Amino acid sequence: MAKVVQISCGTEYSGIQWIFDDIAERLGIELVFPELELSSVDAACKAIGVKVESPSLNMMMARAVSMLDDPTIKGALLLTCFKCAEGTIVRDTVRRYLHERTDIPIISYSNVEKPKEIEIYARLEALKTLITRRALLMRDKQEGITIGVDSGSSTTKAVVMRDNEIIGEEWLPTTDPIKSADDAIEAALKGAGIPEKAVDAIGVTGHGRELVSEHVKAALNLEEVSVVAKGTALLSGRLKGDATVIDIGGMNNKLILMRDGIANMFNLGGICGGASGRFLEVASHRLDVDISELGLLAMKSKAKEKEKFDLQSYCMVFGIQSLVVALASGIKREDVAAAACRSVAEQVYENQIQEMEMRPPVIFVGGVSLVEGVKREFEDILGVEIIVPPYSQYAGAVGIATLVSGV
């Protein structure tokens, strides 16, 4: 059992705690709550440097201080309510405090009245991997001949690697997950010029990994957070030191802080499709360009700051509605394309990046990383150069192909 501390403001007494307990048990996680004396709360708040009106939030900070005295704790879950502004401030303060004093993996979650089990499961599963598979995640090169498959919600990626080099790859729309995986593997093998019988092992990650893994008899099946971090580190040559990874997928997003090629803090997006690759696909259709051309069209926009057109909503449905109205009113296509790219970047920034400190360099991976307009908008917002490594869309596939060579 992986021992994980839950640092929250009293949710263990609410009606939703059972969901966390149930998922933790299924994943083999022992969810614990630090014990402390009430007399220690004031001292803990003083140590962290914050004291708020809510006694429950002050108790939350005391629990964070208390957990540092328990060496058996291998991970932490920071949990507050989505609508509580004071809770958000405390959660972020606690996260920074712990980050400065421990290297254990930490995840945070803003609870809603009807939490989605799949979202909680994804976070705790990734945390479990970072705790229990650390030796495997330390692998820094691929050996032999392996195939990595990333069965994503929108696209399926496959790479063939030989002795730390990509020798074949394919990227296809995900229709039927199994057929898409078979087609991608076949095309990647053809590009590599090697027969399937020469492959030493296959690894699978992504949304469809359970189904695809069983079908291809994969030697390794891992969640996306740890795998994408590893693939990004390999592709960008950042196997040592700190880095931040932005991965915008077809339906959800990942912001990962990694150290020495291993994720140690992350959050997952997906509240609205307006911040996803799918939104950009729909926008491309309305602009009558292929998704691969959307970024180039956006880069043609020369509108000055005050002249920039902005979509009136981050919602995918209303954002597209605003886009259509803009085109009908005579706004230039390149300015509308730039607005679509800016909308995605701003939503990722406001919903994810602001909740976590950025560790340079910032590396952009996933299919959306190939949309130049989104990269430009991130650079404008963050004020730093964004790195898009070669084969950036294959980060997940490269990561799992590398890790499976160590199984």
Protein backbone atom coordinates (compact mmCIF):
# COMPACT_ATOMS: atom_id res chain seq x y z
CA MET A 1 0.00 0.00 0.00
CA ALA A 2 1.29 3.45 -0.93
CA LYS A 3 0.83 5.77 2.05
CA VAL A 4 -0.66 9.09 0.91
CA VAL A 5 -1.63 11.92 3.23
CA GLN A 6 -4.84 13.83 2.57
CA ILE A 7 -4.48 17.47 3.54
CA SER A 8 -7.91 19.02 3.39
CA CYS A 9 -10.22 21.41 5.23
CA GLY A 10 -12.70 18.92 6.62
CA THR A 11 -13.89 17.08 3.51
CA GLU A 12 -13.39 13.79 5.37
CA TYR A 13 -16.61 14.71 7.19
CA SER A 14 -18.51 15.56 4.00
CA GLY A 15 -20.66 13.39 1.78
CA ILE A 16 -17.99 12.96 -0.91
CA GLN A 17 -15.11 11.52 1.11
CA TRP A 18 -16.25 7.98 0.38
CA ILE A 19 -15.37 8.48 -3.31
CA PHE A 20 -11.74 9.23 -2.47
CA ASP A 21 -11.61 6.35 0.01
CA ASP A 22 -13.10 3.90 -2.49
CA ILE A 23 -10.75 4.87 -5.34
CA ALA A 24 -7.73 4.86 -3.04
CA GLU A 25 -8.56 1.34 -1.87
CA ARG A 26 -8.97 0.10 -5.45
CA LEU A 27 -5.59 1.57 -6.38
CA GLY A 28 -3.78 0.21 -3.35
CA ILE A 29 -3.37 3.59 -1.66
CA GLU A 30 -3.58 4.03 2.10
CA LEU A 31 -5.17 7.44 2.59
CA VAL A 32 -4.21 8.87 5.98
CA PHE A 33 -4.89 12.07 7.93
CA PRO A 34 -2.11 13.59 10.06
CA GLU A 35 -2.87 13.71 13.75
CA LEU A 36 -2.09 16.86 15.70
CA GLU A 37 -2.92 18.81 18.81
CA LEU A 38 -5.10 21.92 18.57
CA SER A 39 -2.37 23.79 20.39
CA SER A 40 -0.07 23.27 17.41
CA VAL A 41 -2.32 25.08 14.90
CA ASP A 42 -1.12 28.60 15.72
CA ALA A 43 2.52 27.51 15.53
CA ALA A 44 1.90 25.85 12.15
CA CYS A 45 0.21 28.96 10.71
CA LYS A 46 3.14 31.03 11.91
CA ALA A 47 5.59 28.62 10.28
CA ILE A 48 3.75 28.81 6.95
CA GLY A 49 3.24 32.54 7.27
CA VAL A 50 -0.53 32.62 6.78
CA LYS A 51 -3.54 32.59 9.10
CA VAL A 52 -7.11 32.84 7.83
CA GLU A 53 -10.59 33.20 9.29
CA SER A 54 -11.58 29.56 8.74
CA PRO A 55 -10.51 27.23 11.59
CA SER A 56 -10.72 24.28 9.18
CA LEU A 57 -8.24 25.88 6.78
CA ASN A 58 -5.87 26.73 9.63
CA MET A 59 -6.13 23.07 10.66
CA MET A 60 -5.29 22.13 7.06
CA MET A 61 -2.05 24.11 7.28
CA ALA A 62 -1.23 22.44 10.59
CA ARG A 63 -1.67 19.04 8.99
CA ALA A 64 0.77 20.02 6.26
CA VAL A 65 3.40 20.93 8.83
CA SER A 66 2.70 17.75 10.79
CA MET A 67 3.15 15.41 7.80
CA LEU A 68 6.78 16.47 7.40
CA ASP A 69 7.57 14.55 10.60
CA ASP A 70 6.32 11.23 9.16
CA PRO A 71 8.92 9.56 6.88
CA THR A 72 6.47 6.80 5.91
CA ILE A 73 4.34 9.22 3.86
CA LYS A 74 5.17 8.87 0.16
CA GLY A 75 2.69 11.28 -1.47
CA ALA A 76 0.21 14.06 -0.70
CA LEU A 77 -3.29 15.02 -1.86
CA LEU A 78 -4.27 18.66 -1.33
CA LEU A 79 -8.04 18.97 -1.39
CA THR A 80 -10.23 22.08 -1.14
CA CYS A 81 -13.63 23.14 -2.43
CA PHE A 82 -13.90 24.58 -5.93
CA LYS A 83 -15.95 27.63 -4.87
CA CYS A 84 -13.80 28.59 -1.87
CA ALA A 85 -11.42 31.44 -2.75
CA GLU A 86 -9.83 31.37 0.71
CA GLY A 87 -9.32 27.63 0.34
CA THR A 88 -7.58 28.10 -2.99
CA ILE A 89 -5.14 30.57 -1.45
CA VAL A 90 -4.38 28.21 1.45
CA ARG A 91 -4.01 25.20 -0.85
CA ASP A 92 -1.50 27.00 -3.07
CA THR A 93 0.39 28.32 -0.04
CA VAL A 94 0.59 24.82 1.45
CA ARG A 95 1.72 23.37 -1.88
CA ARG A 96 4.59 25.85 -2.12
CA TYR A 97 5.53 25.25 1.52
CA LEU A 98 5.70 21.48 1.00
CA HIS A 99 7.49 21.78 -2.33
CA GLU A 100 10.31 23.70 -0.65
CA ARG A 101 10.72 21.04 2.03
CA THR A 102 10.05 17.66 0.44
CA ASP A 103 10.47 15.83 -2.86
CA ILE A 104 7.41 13.59 -2.51
CA PRO A 105 4.88 13.84 -5.37
CA ILE A 106 1.97 16.17 -4.64
CA ILE A 107 -1.37 16.56 -6.40
CA SER A 108 -4.14 19.07 -5.78
CA TYR A 109 -7.83 18.85 -6.52
CA SER A 110 -10.65 21.37 -6.28
CA ASN A 111 -13.69 19.41 -5.18
CA VAL A 112 -17.14 20.07 -6.62
CA GLU A 113 -20.52 18.97 -5.29
CA LYS A 114 -20.71 16.12 -7.81
CA PRO A 115 -17.08 15.11 -8.40
CA LYS A 116 -16.30 13.00 -11.46
CA GLU A 117 -14.89 9.65 -10.44
CA ILE A 118 -12.77 9.42 -13.59
CA GLU A 119 -11.00 12.70 -12.74
CA ILE A 120 -10.18 11.61 -9.19
CA TYR A 121 -9.11 8.18 -10.38
CA ALA A 122 -6.73 9.65 -12.98
CA ARG A 123 -5.03 11.85 -10.40
CA LEU A 124 -4.63 9.17 -7.74
CA GLU A 125 -3.50 6.59 -10.28
CA ALA A 126 -0.76 8.93 -11.50
CA LEU A 127 0.27 9.60 -7.90
CA LYS A 128 0.45 5.84 -7.25
CA THR A 129 2.71 5.36 -10.28
CA LEU A 130 5.08 8.11 -9.14
CA ILE A 131 5.33 6.48 -5.72
CA THR A 132 5.60 2.79 -6.61
CA ARG A 133 7.34 2.80 -10.02
CA ARG A 134 10.06 5.33 -9.32
CA ALA A 135 12.88 2.92 -10.16
CA LEU A 136 11.37 2.33 -13.60
CA LEU A 137 10.70 6.05 -14.13
CA MET A 138 14.39 6.79 -13.55
CA ARG A 139 15.19 5.08 -16.86
CA ASP A 140 16.99 7.59 -19.08
CA LYS A 141 17.30 5.79 -22.41
CA GLN A 142 15.53 3.24 -24.57
CA GLU A 143 17.22 -0.06 -25.41
CA GLY A 144 16.48 -2.80 -27.95
CA ILE A 145 13.48 -2.50 -30.27
CA THR A 146 10.22 -1.41 -28.68
CA ILE A 147 6.90 0.06 -29.74
CA GLY A 148 5.11 2.79 -27.81
CA VAL A 149 1.40 3.41 -28.36
CA ASP A 150 -0.45 6.47 -27.08
CA SER A 151 -4.17 5.78 -27.49
CA GLY A 152 -5.55 9.28 -27.10
CA SER A 153 -9.11 10.58 -27.13
CA SER A 154 -8.66 12.28 -30.51
CA THR A 155 -5.55 10.72 -32.03
CA THR A 156 -3.58 7.50 -31.72
CA LYS A 157 0.20 7.77 -31.88
CA ALA A 158 2.72 4.97 -32.33
CA VAL A 159 6.52 5.01 -32.47
CA VAL A 160 9.09 2.31 -33.10
CA MET A 161 12.34 2.91 -31.24
CA ARG A 162 15.69 1.18 -31.56
CA ASP A 163 18.52 1.93 -29.14
CA ASN A 164 17.15 5.32 -28.10
CA GLU A 165 16.27 6.46 -31.63
CA ILE A 166 12.85 6.86 -33.28
CA ILE A 167 12.95 4.84 -36.49
CA GLY A 168 9.24 4.77 -37.33
CA GLU A 169 6.14 6.73 -36.32
CA GLU A 170 2.47 7.24 -37.17
CA TRP A 171 -0.28 9.58 -36.02
CA LEU A 172 -3.91 8.75 -36.85
CA PRO A 173 -7.37 9.90 -35.73
CA THR A 174 -8.83 7.69 -33.02
CA THR A 175 -11.98 6.06 -34.31
CA ASP A 176 -12.15 2.54 -32.95
CA PRO A 177 -9.28 2.45 -30.40
CA ILE A 178 -8.15 -1.07 -31.32
CA LYS A 179 -8.29 -0.53 -35.09
CA SER A 180 -6.58 2.84 -34.81
CA ALA A 181 -3.82 1.27 -32.70
CA ASP A 182 -3.38 -1.61 -35.15
CA ASP A 183 -3.20 0.76 -38.11
CA ALA A 184 -0.74 3.09 -36.35
CA ILE A 185 1.52 0.20 -35.31
CA GLU A 186 1.46 -1.27 -38.82
CA ALA A 187 2.37 2.07 -40.41
CA ALA A 188 5.12 2.76 -37.85
CA LEU A 189 6.65 -0.67 -38.42
CA LYS A 190 6.50 -0.15 -42.18
CA GLY A 191 8.25 3.19 -41.80
CA ALA A 192 10.91 1.57 -39.62
CA GLY A 193 11.41 -1.21 -42.14
CA ILE A 194 11.31 -3.99 -39.57
CA PRO A 195 8.92 -6.94 -39.04
CA GLU A 196 6.71 -7.14 -35.97
CA LYS A 197 8.49 -10.32 -34.81
CA ALA A 198 11.69 -8.27 -34.31
CA VAL A 199 10.01 -6.15 -31.61
CA ASP A 200 11.10 -6.89 -28.06
CA ALA A 201 8.12 -5.33 -26.27
CA ILE A 202 5.12 -3.04 -26.64
CA GLY A 203 3.97 -0.40 -24.12
CA VAL A 204 0.66 1.45 -24.11
CA THR A 205 -0.58 4.68 -22.52
CA GLY A 206 -3.50 7.07 -23.10
CA HIS A 207 -7.27 7.04 -22.66
CA GLY A 208 -7.75 3.74 -24.50
CA ARG A 209 -4.81 1.98 -22.89
CA GLU A 210 -6.75 -0.71 -21.03
CA LEU A 211 -8.50 -1.93 -24.17
CA VAL A 212 -5.49 -1.56 -26.47
CA SER A 213 -3.04 -3.01 -23.98
CA GLU A 214 -4.98 -6.24 -23.69
CA HIS A 215 -5.37 -6.44 -27.47
CA VAL A 216 -1.66 -6.03 -28.30
CA LYS A 217 -0.50 -8.01 -25.23
CA ALA A 218 1.50 -5.07 -23.96
CA ALA A 219 4.32 -5.65 -21.49
CA LEU A 220 3.59 -2.29 -19.82
CA ASN A 221 0.43 -0.23 -19.40
CA LEU A 222 0.87 3.10 -17.59
CA GLU A 223 -1.12 6.29 -17.02
CA GLU A 224 -0.23 9.41 -18.99
CA VAL A 225 1.27 11.85 -16.47
CA SER A 226 4.45 9.93 -15.66
CA VAL A 227 4.79 8.70 -19.25
CA VAL A 228 4.42 12.14 -20.89
CA ALA A 229 6.94 13.60 -18.44
CA LYS A 230 9.47 10.91 -19.34
CA GLY A 231 8.89 11.29 -23.08
CA THR A 232 9.19 15.06 -22.87
CA ALA A 233 12.45 14.82 -20.92
CA LEU A 234 13.90 12.49 -23.55
CA LEU A 235 12.77 14.53 -26.56
CA SER A 236 14.00 17.82 -25.10
CA GLY A 237 17.17 16.52 -23.47
CA ARG A 238 15.98 17.60 -20.01
CA LEU A 239 16.79 14.47 -18.03
CA LYS A 240 18.46 16.54 -15.33
CA GLY A 241 17.17 19.56 -13.46
CA ASP A 242 13.73 21.17 -13.32
CA ALA A 243 11.29 21.81 -16.16
CA THR A 244 7.61 22.52 -16.78
CA VAL A 245 5.58 20.52 -19.29
CA ILE A 246 2.41 21.76 -20.98
CA ASP A 247 0.48 19.03 -22.79
CA ILE A 248 -2.78 20.07 -24.48
CA GLY A 249 -4.65 16.99 -25.61
CA GLY A 250 -7.74 16.37 -27.67
CA MET A 251 -10.04 16.52 -24.65
CA ASN A 252 -7.98 17.43 -21.58
CA ASN A 253 -4.72 19.05 -20.57
CA LYS A 254 -1.79 18.28 -18.31
CA LEU A 255 0.53 20.71 -16.56
CA ILE A 256 3.49 18.81 -15.11
CA LEU A 257 6.40 20.03 -13.03
CA MET A 258 9.23 17.55 -13.36
CA ARG A 259 12.63 17.09 -11.81
CA ASP A 260 15.32 14.90 -13.38
CA GLY A 261 12.84 13.62 -15.95
CA ILE A 262 10.23 12.50 -13.39
CA ALA A 263 6.97 14.29 -12.60
CA ASN A 264 6.70 15.37 -8.97
CA MET A 265 3.76 17.76 -9.15
CA PHE A 266 0.94 18.09 -11.65
CA ASN A 267 -2.62 19.11 -12.30
CA LEU A 268 -5.08 18.00 -14.93
CA GLY A 269 -7.49 20.20 -16.85
CA GLY A 270 -10.64 19.26 -18.67
CA ILE A 271 -13.39 21.35 -17.05
CA CYS A 272 -14.36 22.64 -20.49
CA GLY A 273 -13.55 21.52 -24.04
CA GLY A 274 -12.82 25.16 -24.91
CA ALA A 275 -9.22 24.67 -23.76
CA SER A 276 -8.67 21.50 -25.77
CA GLY A 277 -7.39 20.46 -29.15
CA ARG A 278 -10.92 19.56 -30.09
CA PHE A 279 -11.91 23.25 -29.86
CA LEU A 280 -9.14 24.13 -32.31
CA GLU A 281 -10.31 21.38 -34.68
CA VAL A 282 -13.82 22.84 -34.72
CA ALA A 283 -12.43 26.36 -35.14
CA SER A 284 -10.32 25.17 -38.09
CA HIS A 285 -13.40 23.71 -39.75
CA ARG A 286 -15.27 27.00 -39.38
CA LEU A 287 -12.27 28.88 -40.82
CA ASP A 288 -12.08 26.39 -43.72
CA VAL A 289 -8.47 25.38 -43.03
CA ASP A 290 -6.89 22.12 -41.93
CA ILE A 291 -5.90 22.00 -38.26
CA SER A 292 -2.27 21.83 -39.42
CA GLU A 293 -2.73 25.23 -41.11
CA LEU A 294 -4.55 27.00 -38.27
CA GLY A 295 -1.36 28.06 -36.50
CA LEU A 296 0.15 29.48 -39.68
CA LEU A 297 -3.03 31.43 -40.35
CA ALA A 298 -2.97 32.81 -36.79
CA MET A 299 0.67 33.86 -37.18
CA LYS A 300 -0.40 36.15 -40.05
CA SER A 301 -2.41 38.26 -37.61
CA LYS A 302 -0.66 41.60 -37.08
CA ALA A 303 -3.36 43.25 -34.98
CA LYS A 304 -2.01 45.48 -32.23
CA GLU A 305 -2.94 44.82 -28.61
CA LYS A 306 -5.94 47.15 -28.55
CA GLU A 307 -7.12 45.93 -31.94
CA LYS A 308 -7.03 42.21 -31.15
CA PHE A 309 -10.31 40.36 -31.48
CA ASP A 310 -11.19 38.17 -28.49
CA LEU A 311 -13.77 35.42 -28.27
CA GLN A 312 -16.46 36.35 -25.78
CA SER A 313 -16.47 33.02 -23.97
CA TYR A 314 -14.11 30.20 -22.97
CA CYS A 315 -16.99 27.77 -23.43
CA MET A 316 -16.46 25.60 -26.50
CA VAL A 317 -20.03 26.09 -27.75
CA PHE A 318 -20.24 29.85 -27.16
CA GLY A 319 -16.65 30.37 -28.26
CA ILE A 320 -17.43 28.90 -31.68
CA GLN A 321 -20.61 30.97 -31.79
CA SER A 322 -18.53 34.11 -31.18
CA LEU A 323 -16.12 33.00 -33.90
CA VAL A 324 -18.92 32.60 -36.45
CA VAL A 325 -20.37 36.02 -35.59
CA ALA A 326 -16.91 37.59 -35.95
CA LEU A 327 -16.43 36.15 -39.44
CA ALA A 328 -19.88 37.34 -40.45
CA SER A 329 -19.06 40.86 -39.22
CA GLY A 330 -15.94 41.09 -41.37
CA ILE A 331 -13.18 40.31 -38.85
CA LYS A 332 -10.16 38.97 -40.75
CA ARG A 333 -9.75 35.20 -40.77
CA GLU A 334 -6.20 35.44 -39.41
CA ASP A 335 -7.38 37.62 -36.51
CA VAL A 336 -10.11 35.10 -35.68
CA ALA A 337 -7.60 32.23 -35.88
CA ALA A 338 -5.31 34.13 -33.50
CA ALA A 339 -8.25 34.68 -31.14
CA ALA A 340 -8.97 30.94 -31.07
CA CYS A 341 -5.34 30.17 -30.23
CA ARG A 342 -5.28 32.91 -27.59
CA SER A 343 -8.49 31.63 -26.01
CA VAL A 344 -6.96 28.17 -25.46
CA ALA A 345 -3.71 29.56 -24.05
CA GLU A 346 -5.50 31.99 -21.72
CA GLN A 347 -7.83 29.32 -20.36
CA VAL A 348 -4.94 26.93 -19.65
CA TYR A 349 -3.11 29.79 -17.94
CA GLU A 350 -6.05 30.84 -15.77
CA ASN A 351 -7.26 27.36 -14.83
CA GLN A 352 -3.95 25.53 -14.46
CA ILE A 353 -0.74 27.51 -14.76
CA GLN A 354 -1.75 30.11 -12.16
CA GLU A 355 -2.23 27.31 -9.63
CA MET A 356 1.37 26.14 -9.94
CA GLU A 357 4.69 27.93 -10.12
CA MET A 358 6.51 27.54 -13.43
CA ARG A 359 9.96 25.99 -13.46
CA PRO A 360 11.90 26.99 -16.58
CA PRO A 361 12.37 25.79 -19.20
CA VAL A 362 8.76 25.47 -20.33
CA ILE A 363 8.30 22.62 -22.81
CA PHE A 364 5.18 22.28 -24.96
CA VAL A 365 4.16 18.81 -26.20
CA GLY A 366 1.10 17.06 -27.62
CA GLY A 367 -0.62 17.61 -30.94
CA VAL A 368 -1.53 21.23 -30.17
CA SER A 369 2.17 22.05 -29.72
CA LEU A 370 2.38 21.96 -33.53
CA VAL A 371 -0.08 24.86 -33.78
CA GLU A 372 2.35 27.79 -33.92
CA GLY A 373 -0.30 30.32 -32.94
CA VAL A 374 -0.86 28.66 -29.56
CA LYS A 375 2.88 28.59 -28.85
CA ARG A 376 3.08 32.32 -29.63
CA GLU A 377 0.18 33.10 -27.29
CA PHE A 378 1.79 31.15 -24.45
CA GLU A 379 5.02 33.07 -24.97
CA ASP A 380 3.14 36.38 -24.84
CA ILE A 381 1.29 35.39 -21.66
CA LEU A 382 4.24 33.88 -19.79
CA GLY A 383 6.98 36.15 -21.12
CA VAL A 384 9.34 33.22 -21.71
CA GLU A 385 10.45 31.19 -24.71
CA ILE A 386 8.44 28.01 -25.15
CA ILE A 387 10.37 24.94 -26.29
CA VAL A 388 8.68 22.59 -28.76
CA PRO A 389 11.02 19.60 -29.19
CA PRO A 390 11.18 17.43 -32.32
CA TYR A 391 8.44 14.76 -32.36
CA SER A 392 6.60 16.74 -29.67
CA GLN A 393 3.27 15.13 -30.59
CA TYR A 394 4.77 11.71 -29.75
CA ALA A 395 5.83 12.48 -26.16
CA GLY A 396 3.52 9.86 -24.67
CA ALA A 397 4.46 7.19 -27.20
CA VAL A 398 8.19 7.87 -26.78
CA GLY A 399 7.85 7.78 -23.00
CA ILE A 400 6.12 4.41 -22.91
CA ALA A 401 8.42 2.93 -25.59
CA THR A 402 11.38 3.89 -23.40
CA LEU A 403 9.91 2.67 -20.13
CA VAL A 404 8.82 -0.68 -21.55
CA SER A 405 12.40 -1.38 -22.58
CA GLY A 406 13.20 -1.52 -18.87
CA VAL A 407 10.51 -4.08 -17.96
